[in-house]
Amino acid sequence: MSKLLLIDDQEDVRYSLQRIFDSPDVELASAASGEEALKIIPRFKPDLVLMDVRMGGINGLETLRKIRAGNPRLLVILMTAYGTTQTAIEAMKLGAYDYLLKPFDPVKIKELIANALKAARDMKQVVSYQPLLQSEDYELGIVGRSEPMQQVFKLIGQVAISDATALITGESGTGKELIARAIYHHSHRSALPFLAVNCAAIPEQLLESELFGHERGAFTGATGQRIGKFEQCNRGTIFLDEIGDMTPATQTKILRVLQSGTFERVGGNQPIQVDVRVIAATNKPLEQAVAGKQFREDLFYRLNVVRIQVPPLRDRIEDIALLVNYFLEKIGREHQRAPKSIAASVVKTLEKYHWPGNVRELENAIRRAHVMAKGDAILISDLPPEISGAAPLPSSAGAGAAAADDAAALARQLFQWARREPKLKIIPAVERELVIQALKETNDNQVAAAKLLGITRATLRKRIEKFGIHRELSVK
């Protein structure tokens, strides 16, 4: 449950706000003055403060200054009926998350409060990258003992103690945001704000406004000034997920922030100075995007100061048992009951699957099995059909596509078995045909073909040379 503190010297305003935010998911407290609020905060421990600027006694700006001095991570939104530029500038300089103009739209204020509470929860959820599975001292953990994950852990520790920009790359579902949050929680900025922005989830025409804010009248629908994420995150850390989806115009502004620490709001002409640490992530090959003129080369090098490549789950099979135990413990805590057990044969089945959705797919599979299990133990029959091997027969209409999918899945399994079982050898003629078919399926794209087969591009190249396939196909 989130905690929200409302501060206003007008009783009717406090009453109206209490009605707006009356919800079983939000615990409310109120104060009639800044002095009263400063006494309530240490015992109530709010996640977010919503406060008027003009009050009797100490005003909202002075109260904000005292709150930030005592707890820099506590998010504060100011309300004012006097939307002067000076008030806005002073509020953001003092570290306000945002400000609202009275009278306010209940729908918009609910949306703003929901976003702020989510940001507050993200900052409170400490991410450990050396988790103890029986510990309840953490909310989230990056689990893994495999060699690829040990290298990731080392890089987290090295980059966390600096202010260097970090670029996290890897397939979708590998846990890139967890890596970013681990860097933040172990950095010297951990007592300051952390905000995450999914660049792919926001329409391109709105992303620039989301990041940098806008002035009133900057575009159709801009009825007032808006504070962007970079201002809200001043002195803290911002995580830009799926940065490869940014438009060229937004890329230019991000580059300017990294170079000079300044930007302008959309429709504005006044430079705004910020001190923000940037962590970016993408599941796209940015080097190819740079070569294709889809991503700025200078921005790529600015972001790629420290590169952390998160391995796909198929390259860390030995971590699956640990991850399964972790998710079962997590689900057990959520349901406030002892975690369900899982048979060793079920874990072996999970280890044979190729996991195109990576760790996210594994967690969803365990949650599904937890629901389907009739007793306290998870059985193979409780797993999704595509994992357990009990998939229904395809209809005639989709038989061709299903056959192609089955062939691809068989190819991946053959290669995975060969990697895990050195004594298991694929007949050379079969292996050669698998490589040829994979290249044909992907129009001779080695990256896609390697992914289809569940091997690295380097391994694929060795197979191409070994079998002389380049003489038959025009391979990229």
Protein backbone atom coordinates (compact mmCIF):
# COMPACT_ATOMS: atom_id res chain seq x y z
CA MET A 1 0.00 0.00 0.00
CA SER A 2 1.26 3.45 -0.92
CA LYS A 3 1.19 6.39 1.51
CA LEU A 4 0.18 9.89 0.41
CA LEU A 5 0.44 13.02 2.57
CA LEU A 6 -1.82 15.98 1.65
CA ILE A 7 -0.79 19.45 2.89
CA ASP A 8 -3.06 22.47 2.48
CA ASP A 9 -4.28 25.14 4.90
CA GLN A 10 -7.78 25.09 3.40
CA GLU A 11 -9.99 22.38 4.87
CA ASP A 12 -12.26 22.16 1.81
CA VAL A 13 -9.25 21.52 -0.47
CA ARG A 14 -8.01 18.74 1.84
CA TYR A 15 -11.49 17.22 1.85
CA SER A 16 -11.73 17.32 -1.95
CA LEU A 17 -8.32 15.68 -2.34
CA GLN A 18 -9.20 12.97 0.18
CA ARG A 19 -12.28 12.13 -1.88
CA ILE A 20 -10.27 12.00 -5.11
CA PHE A 21 -7.66 9.64 -3.64
CA ASP A 22 -9.98 7.51 -1.52
CA SER A 23 -8.76 4.04 -2.46
CA PRO A 24 -7.92 0.79 -0.62
CA ASP A 25 -4.49 0.92 -2.30
CA VAL A 26 -3.57 4.35 -0.88
CA GLU A 27 -3.25 5.31 2.77
CA LEU A 28 -3.91 9.01 3.29
CA ALA A 29 -2.79 11.52 5.89
CA SER A 30 -3.28 15.28 5.89
CA ALA A 31 -1.76 18.37 7.47
CA ALA A 32 -2.98 21.98 7.63
CA SER A 33 0.47 23.57 7.60
CA GLY A 34 4.10 22.99 6.75
CA GLU A 35 5.02 22.86 10.45
CA GLU A 36 2.44 20.12 11.09
CA ALA A 37 3.59 18.18 8.02
CA LEU A 38 7.23 18.16 9.17
CA LYS A 39 6.08 16.51 12.40
CA ILE A 40 3.91 13.93 10.62
CA ILE A 41 6.48 12.83 8.01
CA PRO A 42 8.91 10.98 10.36
CA ARG A 43 6.18 8.75 11.80
CA PHE A 44 3.87 8.42 8.75
CA LYS A 45 6.75 7.87 6.30
CA PRO A 46 4.83 8.89 3.14
CA ASP A 47 5.81 7.77 -0.35
CA LEU A 48 4.58 11.05 -1.85
CA VAL A 49 3.69 14.53 -0.62
CA LEU A 50 1.08 16.75 -2.33
CA MET A 51 1.42 20.28 -0.95
CA ASP A 52 0.09 23.80 -1.49
CA VAL A 53 2.62 26.59 -2.11
CA ARG A 54 0.89 29.44 -0.27
CA MET A 55 0.04 28.53 3.33
CA GLY A 56 0.05 30.22 6.68
CA GLY A 57 3.31 29.82 8.59
CA ILE A 58 6.15 28.47 6.50
CA ASN A 59 5.17 28.33 2.83
CA GLY A 60 5.32 25.35 0.49
CA LEU A 61 8.74 26.18 -0.96
CA GLU A 62 10.34 26.45 2.47
CA THR A 63 8.62 23.24 3.58
CA LEU A 64 9.91 21.55 0.40
CA ARG A 65 13.43 22.73 1.23
CA LYS A 66 13.20 21.18 4.73
CA ILE A 67 11.68 17.93 3.42
CA ARG A 68 14.43 17.52 0.83
CA ALA A 69 17.12 18.23 3.42
CA GLY A 70 15.79 15.39 5.58
CA ASN A 71 14.87 12.90 2.84
CA PRO A 72 16.10 13.62 -0.73
CA ARG A 73 14.21 10.62 -2.16
CA LEU A 74 10.77 11.68 -0.90
CA LEU A 75 8.82 12.93 -3.92
CA VAL A 76 6.94 16.21 -3.53
CA ILE A 77 4.31 17.70 -5.87
CA LEU A 78 3.38 21.34 -5.31
CA MET A 79 -0.04 22.89 -5.93
CA THR A 80 -0.51 26.59 -6.65
CA ALA A 81 -3.17 28.93 -7.92
CA TYR A 82 -0.44 31.35 -8.99
CA GLY A 83 1.36 29.69 -11.88
CA THR A 84 4.22 32.15 -12.20
CA THR A 85 7.40 31.23 -13.98
CA GLN A 86 9.41 32.13 -10.88
CA THR A 87 7.43 29.69 -8.73
CA ALA A 88 7.98 26.88 -11.24
CA ILE A 89 11.71 27.56 -11.54
CA GLU A 90 12.19 27.76 -7.77
CA ALA A 91 10.15 24.61 -7.16
CA MET A 92 12.19 22.54 -9.63
CA LYS A 93 15.48 23.97 -8.35
CA LEU A 94 14.52 22.80 -4.87
CA GLY A 95 13.83 19.29 -6.20
CA ALA A 96 10.04 19.12 -6.60
CA TYR A 97 8.84 16.15 -8.64
CA ASP A 98 6.24 18.35 -10.36
CA TYR A 99 3.69 21.08 -9.71
CA LEU A 100 -0.03 21.53 -10.38
CA LEU A 101 -2.11 24.59 -11.11
CA LYS A 102 -5.39 25.12 -9.28
CA PRO A 103 -8.13 24.41 -10.11
CA PHE A 104 -6.93 21.01 -11.27
CA ASP A 105 -8.48 18.28 -13.40
CA PRO A 106 -9.20 15.19 -11.20
CA VAL A 107 -8.32 12.83 -14.08
CA LYS A 108 -4.95 14.48 -14.73
CA ILE A 109 -4.05 14.73 -11.05
CA LYS A 110 -4.86 11.03 -10.57
CA GLU A 111 -2.60 10.14 -13.49
CA LEU A 112 0.23 12.29 -12.14
CA ILE A 113 -0.10 10.84 -8.63
CA ALA A 114 -0.17 7.27 -10.00
CA ASN A 115 3.04 7.88 -11.97
CA ALA A 116 4.71 9.50 -8.95
CA LEU A 117 3.74 6.63 -6.63
CA LYS A 118 5.12 4.12 -9.13
CA ALA A 119 8.39 6.07 -9.23
CA ALA A 120 8.45 6.04 -5.42
CA ARG A 121 7.94 2.27 -5.34
CA ASP A 122 10.73 1.76 -7.88
CA MET A 123 13.13 3.72 -5.68
CA LYS A 124 12.19 1.71 -2.58
CA GLN A 125 12.60 -1.70 -4.24
CA VAL A 126 16.27 -2.46 -3.68
CA VAL A 127 17.78 -4.72 -6.33
CA SER A 128 20.39 -7.17 -5.09
CA TYR A 129 22.75 -8.90 -7.47
CA GLN A 130 23.97 -11.39 -4.87
CA PRO A 131 20.60 -12.50 -3.50
CA LEU A 132 20.04 -15.04 -0.72
CA LEU A 133 16.95 -16.96 -1.78
CA GLN A 134 15.70 -17.41 1.78
CA SER A 135 16.07 -13.72 2.65
CA GLU A 136 13.10 -11.37 2.85
CA ASP A 137 15.30 -8.29 3.08
CA TYR A 138 14.97 -7.48 -0.61
CA GLU A 139 12.14 -7.04 -3.09
CA LEU A 140 13.96 -7.92 -6.29
CA GLY A 141 17.06 -9.90 -7.12
CA ILE A 142 19.22 -10.76 -10.09
CA VAL A 143 19.76 -14.48 -9.77
CA GLY A 144 22.61 -16.39 -11.33
CA ARG A 145 25.79 -18.33 -10.63
CA SER A 146 26.76 -19.00 -14.23
CA GLU A 147 29.95 -17.53 -15.64
CA PRO A 148 28.13 -15.09 -17.98
CA MET A 149 26.16 -13.66 -15.04
CA GLN A 150 29.26 -13.42 -12.86
CA GLN A 151 30.76 -11.16 -15.50
CA VAL A 152 27.60 -9.01 -15.40
CA PHE A 153 27.82 -8.75 -11.60
CA LYS A 154 31.43 -7.60 -11.80
CA LEU A 155 30.49 -4.87 -14.28
CA ILE A 156 27.59 -3.71 -12.07
CA GLY A 157 29.97 -3.28 -9.16
CA GLN A 158 32.52 -1.42 -11.27
CA VAL A 159 30.09 0.97 -12.97
CA ALA A 160 27.98 1.63 -9.84
CA ILE A 161 30.75 3.50 -8.04
CA SER A 162 31.20 5.95 -10.92
CA ASP A 163 28.98 8.43 -12.74
CA ALA A 164 29.78 6.92 -16.13
CA THR A 165 26.97 6.49 -18.63
CA ALA A 166 26.09 2.81 -19.06
CA LEU A 167 24.55 0.99 -22.03
CA ILE A 168 22.80 -2.30 -21.24
CA THR A 169 22.16 -4.57 -24.22
CA GLY A 170 20.44 -7.92 -24.54
CA GLU A 171 17.34 -9.66 -25.81
CA SER A 172 13.88 -8.80 -24.56
CA GLY A 173 13.07 -10.40 -21.22
CA THR A 174 16.66 -10.79 -19.98
CA GLY A 175 16.27 -8.29 -17.11
CA LYS A 176 17.91 -5.13 -18.41
CA GLU A 177 15.86 -2.85 -16.15
CA LEU A 178 16.89 -4.89 -13.10
CA ILE A 179 20.52 -4.35 -14.07
CA ALA A 180 19.91 -0.59 -14.35
CA ARG A 181 18.19 -0.46 -10.98
CA ALA A 182 20.99 -2.50 -9.37
CA ILE A 183 23.51 0.07 -10.66
CA TYR A 184 21.38 2.86 -9.19
CA HIS A 185 20.87 1.21 -5.79
CA HIS A 186 24.60 0.59 -5.38
CA SER A 187 25.67 4.05 -6.55
CA HIS A 188 26.29 7.24 -4.58
CA ARG A 189 23.04 8.60 -6.09
CA SER A 190 20.92 5.90 -4.42
CA ALA A 191 19.42 8.45 -2.01
CA LEU A 192 18.26 10.58 -4.95
CA PRO A 193 15.48 10.05 -7.54
CA PHE A 194 15.39 7.22 -10.07
CA LEU A 195 12.98 7.36 -13.02
CA ALA A 196 12.49 4.79 -15.78
CA VAL A 197 11.17 5.70 -19.24
CA ASN A 198 10.24 3.08 -21.84
CA CYS A 199 10.97 4.90 -25.09
CA ALA A 200 9.17 2.26 -27.16
CA ALA A 201 5.94 2.49 -25.14
CA ILE A 202 5.44 6.25 -25.65
CA PRO A 203 4.27 7.58 -29.04
CA GLU A 204 7.16 9.32 -30.80
CA GLN A 205 5.31 12.66 -30.94
CA LEU A 206 4.96 12.60 -27.12
CA LEU A 207 8.36 11.16 -26.11
CA GLU A 208 10.24 14.45 -26.40
CA SER A 209 7.65 16.17 -24.20
CA GLU A 210 7.79 13.28 -21.70
CA LEU A 211 11.56 13.58 -21.37
CA PHE A 212 12.06 17.34 -21.57
CA GLY A 213 8.64 18.84 -20.84
CA HIS A 214 6.88 21.51 -22.86
CA GLU A 215 5.70 25.09 -22.64
CA ARG A 216 2.09 26.15 -22.89
CA GLY A 217 0.97 26.36 -26.50
CA ALA A 218 3.97 24.38 -27.80
CA PHE A 219 1.61 22.13 -29.76
CA THR A 220 -2.08 21.33 -30.03
CA GLY A 221 -3.30 20.20 -26.62
CA ALA A 222 -0.44 21.80 -24.65
CA THR A 223 -2.77 23.81 -22.41
CA GLY A 224 -0.15 24.36 -19.73
CA GLN A 225 3.54 24.00 -18.94
CA ARG A 226 4.78 20.47 -18.28
CA ILE A 227 7.87 19.36 -16.40
CA GLY A 228 9.78 16.53 -18.10
CA LYS A 229 11.54 13.51 -16.62
CA PHE A 230 15.00 15.08 -16.80
CA GLU A 231 13.92 17.98 -14.60
CA GLN A 232 12.07 15.66 -12.23
CA CYS A 233 15.20 13.51 -11.97
CA ASN A 234 17.74 16.31 -11.38
CA ARG A 235 20.76 15.01 -9.39
CA GLY A 236 19.39 11.49 -9.71
CA THR A 237 19.44 8.68 -12.28
CA ILE A 238 17.27 8.23 -15.37
CA PHE A 239 16.87 4.89 -17.13
CA LEU A 240 16.05 5.11 -20.84
CA ASP A 241 14.76 1.70 -21.89
CA GLU A 242 14.61 0.75 -25.60
CA ILE A 243 16.61 3.84 -26.55
CA GLY A 244 17.02 2.45 -30.07
CA ASP A 245 13.42 3.48 -30.79
CA MET A 246 14.07 7.22 -30.36
CA THR A 247 13.47 9.63 -33.23
CA PRO A 248 16.47 11.60 -34.60
CA ALA A 249 15.17 14.84 -33.02
CA THR A 250 15.01 13.28 -29.55
CA GLN A 251 18.42 11.65 -30.05
CA THR A 252 19.86 15.12 -30.68
CA LYS A 253 18.44 16.45 -27.42
CA ILE A 254 19.71 13.44 -25.46
CA LEU A 255 23.17 14.02 -26.94
CA ARG A 256 23.07 17.66 -25.81
CA VAL A 257 22.12 16.65 -22.26
CA LEU A 258 25.02 14.19 -22.13
CA GLN A 259 27.48 16.74 -23.52
CA SER A 260 26.46 19.91 -21.66
CA GLY A 261 23.82 18.95 -19.09
CA THR A 262 21.34 21.38 -20.71
CA PHE A 263 18.17 21.17 -22.78
CA GLU A 264 15.12 23.22 -23.66
CA ARG A 265 11.50 22.30 -23.16
CA VAL A 266 9.45 21.71 -26.30
CA GLY A 267 8.36 25.17 -27.46
CA GLY A 268 10.80 26.89 -25.10
CA ASN A 269 13.99 28.85 -25.65
CA GLN A 270 15.42 28.99 -22.13
CA PRO A 271 18.25 26.48 -21.44
CA ILE A 272 17.65 24.32 -18.36
CA GLN A 273 20.64 22.91 -16.51
CA VAL A 274 20.42 19.46 -14.93
CA ASP A 275 22.77 16.92 -13.36
CA VAL A 276 21.40 13.50 -14.30
CA ARG A 277 23.14 10.16 -14.65
CA VAL A 278 21.91 8.31 -17.75
CA ILE A 279 21.61 4.53 -18.01
CA ALA A 280 20.26 3.29 -21.35
CA ALA A 281 19.14 -0.11 -22.62
CA THR A 282 18.13 -1.66 -25.91
CA ASN A 283 17.39 -5.04 -27.45
CA LYS A 284 18.39 -3.73 -30.87
CA PRO A 285 21.89 -3.96 -32.41
CA LEU A 286 22.81 -0.27 -32.23
CA GLU A 287 25.96 -0.78 -34.31
CA GLN A 288 23.76 -1.87 -37.22
CA ALA A 289 21.41 1.06 -36.60
CA VAL A 290 24.39 3.43 -36.72
CA ALA A 291 25.59 1.85 -39.97
CA GLY A 292 22.09 2.24 -41.42
CA LYS A 293 21.92 5.92 -40.36
CA GLN A 294 19.01 5.13 -38.02
CA PHE A 295 20.91 6.04 -34.84
CA ARG A 296 23.37 8.87 -34.29
CA GLU A 297 26.95 7.65 -34.17
CA ASP A 298 28.05 10.38 -31.72
CA LEU A 299 25.18 9.52 -29.36
CA PHE A 300 26.06 5.82 -29.54
CA TYR A 301 29.62 6.51 -28.39
CA ARG A 302 28.35 8.83 -25.64
CA LEU A 303 26.09 6.07 -24.34
CA ASN A 304 28.53 3.22 -24.85
CA VAL A 305 30.99 4.33 -22.16
CA VAL A 306 30.43 1.11 -20.20
CA ARG A 307 28.70 -1.74 -22.04
CA ILE A 308 26.89 -4.50 -20.14
CA GLN A 309 25.72 -7.36 -22.35
CA VAL A 310 23.04 -9.41 -20.56
CA PRO A 311 23.16 -13.05 -21.72
CA PRO A 312 20.00 -14.80 -22.97
CA LEU A 313 18.63 -17.55 -20.73
CA ARG A 314 19.60 -20.26 -23.23
CA ASP A 315 23.26 -19.33 -22.60
CA ARG A 316 22.91 -19.76 -18.82
CA ILE A 317 20.95 -23.02 -18.53
CA GLU A 318 22.63 -23.77 -15.18
CA ASP A 319 20.80 -20.78 -13.66
CA ILE A 320 17.31 -22.11 -14.41
CA ALA A 321 17.00 -24.16 -11.19
CA LEU A 322 18.03 -21.11 -9.13
CA LEU A 323 15.57 -18.88 -10.96
CA VAL A 324 12.74 -21.37 -10.48
CA ASN A 325 13.38 -21.49 -6.72
CA TYR A 326 13.57 -17.70 -6.62
CA PHE A 327 10.24 -17.27 -8.41
CA LEU A 328 8.54 -19.89 -6.22
CA GLU A 329 9.79 -18.08 -3.09
CA LYS A 330 8.59 -14.77 -4.53
CA ILE A 331 5.13 -16.13 -5.38
CA GLY A 332 4.89 -17.73 -1.94
CA ARG A 333 5.55 -14.38 -0.26
CA GLU A 334 2.96 -12.70 -2.47
CA HIS A 335 0.34 -15.27 -1.45
CA GLN A 336 1.59 -15.36 2.18
CA ARG A 337 2.01 -19.10 2.18
CA ALA A 338 4.79 -21.65 1.92
CA PRO A 339 6.19 -21.92 -1.62
CA LYS A 340 5.19 -24.90 -3.73
CA SER A 341 7.76 -27.56 -4.49
CA ILE A 342 8.84 -28.63 -7.94
CA ALA A 343 10.05 -32.04 -9.07
CA ALA A 344 13.57 -32.45 -10.42
CA SER A 345 12.13 -33.90 -13.65
CA VAL A 346 10.17 -30.68 -14.16
CA VAL A 347 13.34 -28.61 -13.78
CA LYS A 348 15.05 -30.86 -16.32
CA THR A 349 12.19 -30.22 -18.73
CA LEU A 350 12.58 -26.47 -18.21
CA GLU A 351 16.30 -26.77 -18.93
CA LYS A 352 15.61 -28.39 -22.31
CA TYR A 353 13.42 -25.54 -23.55
CA HIS A 354 15.00 -22.78 -25.68
CA TRP A 355 13.31 -19.79 -23.86
CA PRO A 356 12.83 -17.22 -26.64
CA GLY A 357 11.24 -14.91 -24.04
CA ASN A 358 14.14 -15.41 -21.62
CA VAL A 359 13.75 -14.86 -17.86
CA ARG A 360 10.42 -13.05 -18.27
CA GLU A 361 8.98 -16.09 -20.05
CA LEU A 362 10.33 -18.39 -17.34
CA GLU A 363 8.66 -16.35 -14.58
CA ASN A 364 5.36 -16.36 -16.48
CA ALA A 365 5.64 -20.13 -16.94
CA ILE A 366 6.22 -20.67 -13.22
CA ARG A 367 3.31 -18.38 -12.31
CA ARG A 368 1.09 -20.30 -14.71
CA ALA A 369 2.23 -23.64 -13.27
CA HIS A 370 1.63 -22.32 -9.74
CA VAL A 371 -2.00 -21.58 -10.68
CA MET A 372 -2.54 -24.88 -12.53
CA ALA A 373 -0.97 -27.12 -9.86
CA LYS A 374 -3.68 -29.05 -8.00
CA GLY A 375 -1.50 -29.79 -5.00
CA ASP A 376 1.59 -28.41 -3.29
CA ALA A 377 3.92 -29.75 -6.00
CA ILE A 378 4.31 -28.52 -9.58
CA LEU A 379 4.21 -31.30 -12.19
CA ILE A 380 5.19 -31.38 -15.86
CA SER A 381 1.50 -31.32 -16.79
CA ASP A 382 1.21 -27.91 -15.06
CA LEU A 383 3.67 -26.29 -17.47
CA PRO A 384 2.56 -24.46 -20.62
CA PRO A 385 2.11 -26.93 -23.53
CA GLU A 386 4.92 -25.42 -25.62
CA ILE A 387 7.34 -26.20 -22.77
CA SER A 388 6.00 -29.53 -21.60
CA GLY A 389 5.83 -30.85 -25.17
CA ALA A 390 2.09 -31.47 -24.95
CA ALA A 391 1.16 -28.91 -27.60
CA PRO A 392 -2.10 -29.69 -29.46
CA LEU A 393 -1.97 -30.81 -33.09
CA PRO A 394 -2.14 -27.86 -35.52
CA SER A 395 -5.15 -27.30 -37.74
CA SER A 396 -4.73 -27.90 -41.48
CA ALA A 397 -4.91 -24.14 -42.13
CA GLY A 398 -1.85 -23.47 -40.03
CA ALA A 399 -0.03 -26.73 -40.65
CA GLY A 400 2.66 -25.18 -42.86
CA ALA A 401 3.61 -22.47 -40.37
CA ALA A 402 3.43 -24.92 -37.48
CA ALA A 403 5.71 -27.35 -39.30
CA ALA A 404 8.25 -24.61 -39.86
CA ASP A 405 8.05 -23.68 -36.17
CA ASP A 406 8.47 -27.32 -35.17
CA ALA A 407 11.51 -27.66 -37.43
CA ALA A 408 13.05 -24.52 -35.94
CA ALA A 409 12.36 -25.77 -32.41
CA LEU A 410 13.91 -29.17 -33.25
CA ALA A 411 16.99 -27.45 -34.63
CA ARG A 412 17.40 -25.40 -31.49
CA GLN A 413 16.98 -28.47 -29.27
CA LEU A 414 19.52 -30.46 -31.27
CA PHE A 415 22.13 -27.77 -30.88
CA GLN A 416 21.32 -27.22 -27.20
CA TRP A 417 21.61 -30.95 -26.46
CA ALA A 418 24.92 -31.10 -28.25
CA ARG A 419 26.25 -28.20 -26.16
CA ARG A 420 25.12 -29.70 -22.85
CA GLU A 421 25.96 -33.30 -23.67
CA PRO A 422 29.44 -33.57 -25.27
CA LYS A 423 28.90 -37.28 -25.91
CA LEU A 424 25.80 -36.54 -27.98
CA LYS A 425 26.83 -35.95 -31.59
CA ILE A 426 24.62 -34.64 -34.33
CA ILE A 427 25.20 -36.48 -37.60
CA PRO A 428 27.26 -34.05 -39.77
CA ALA A 429 24.89 -34.36 -42.72
CA VAL A 430 21.92 -33.48 -40.48
CA GLU A 431 23.76 -30.59 -38.88
CA ARG A 432 24.79 -29.25 -42.29
CA GLU A 433 21.18 -29.39 -43.53
CA LEU A 434 19.96 -27.61 -40.36
CA VAL A 435 22.39 -24.74 -40.96
CA ILE A 436 21.37 -24.46 -44.63
CA GLN A 437 17.66 -24.45 -43.74
CA ALA A 438 18.19 -21.83 -41.03
CA LEU A 439 19.98 -19.55 -43.47
CA LYS A 440 17.22 -20.01 -46.05
CA GLU A 441 14.51 -19.30 -43.46
CA THR A 442 16.21 -16.02 -42.52
CA ASN A 443 17.20 -14.91 -46.02
CA ASP A 444 20.88 -15.65 -45.28
CA ASN A 445 20.95 -13.36 -42.21
CA GLN A 446 23.57 -14.91 -39.92
CA VAL A 447 22.39 -13.11 -36.77
CA ALA A 448 18.81 -14.30 -37.22
CA ALA A 449 19.90 -17.80 -38.28
CA ALA A 450 22.11 -18.19 -35.21
CA LYS A 451 19.22 -17.07 -32.98
CA LEU A 452 16.92 -19.58 -34.71
CA LEU A 453 19.39 -22.39 -34.07
CA GLY A 454 20.10 -21.33 -30.48
CA ILE A 455 23.83 -20.82 -31.09
CA THR A 456 26.13 -17.82 -31.30
CA ARG A 457 26.97 -16.12 -34.57
CA ALA A 458 30.62 -17.17 -34.14
CA THR A 459 29.55 -20.83 -33.84
CA LEU A 460 27.36 -20.47 -36.93
CA ARG A 461 30.29 -19.06 -38.93
CA LYS A 462 32.44 -22.04 -37.91
CA ARG A 463 29.70 -24.41 -39.14
CA ILE A 464 29.44 -22.50 -42.44
CA GLU A 465 33.20 -22.79 -42.99
CA LYS A 466 33.31 -26.41 -41.78
CA PHE A 467 30.62 -27.55 -44.21
CA GLY A 468 31.61 -25.25 -47.08
CA ILE A 469 28.11 -23.77 -47.15
CA HIS A 470 29.36 -20.39 -48.36
CA ARG A 471 30.02 -22.00 -51.72
CA GLU A 472 26.31 -22.79 -52.11
CA LEU A 473 24.71 -19.74 -50.55
CA SER A 474 25.42 -16.03 -50.68
CA VAL A 475 25.80 -15.57 -46.94
CA LYS A 476 25.75 -12.09 -45.33
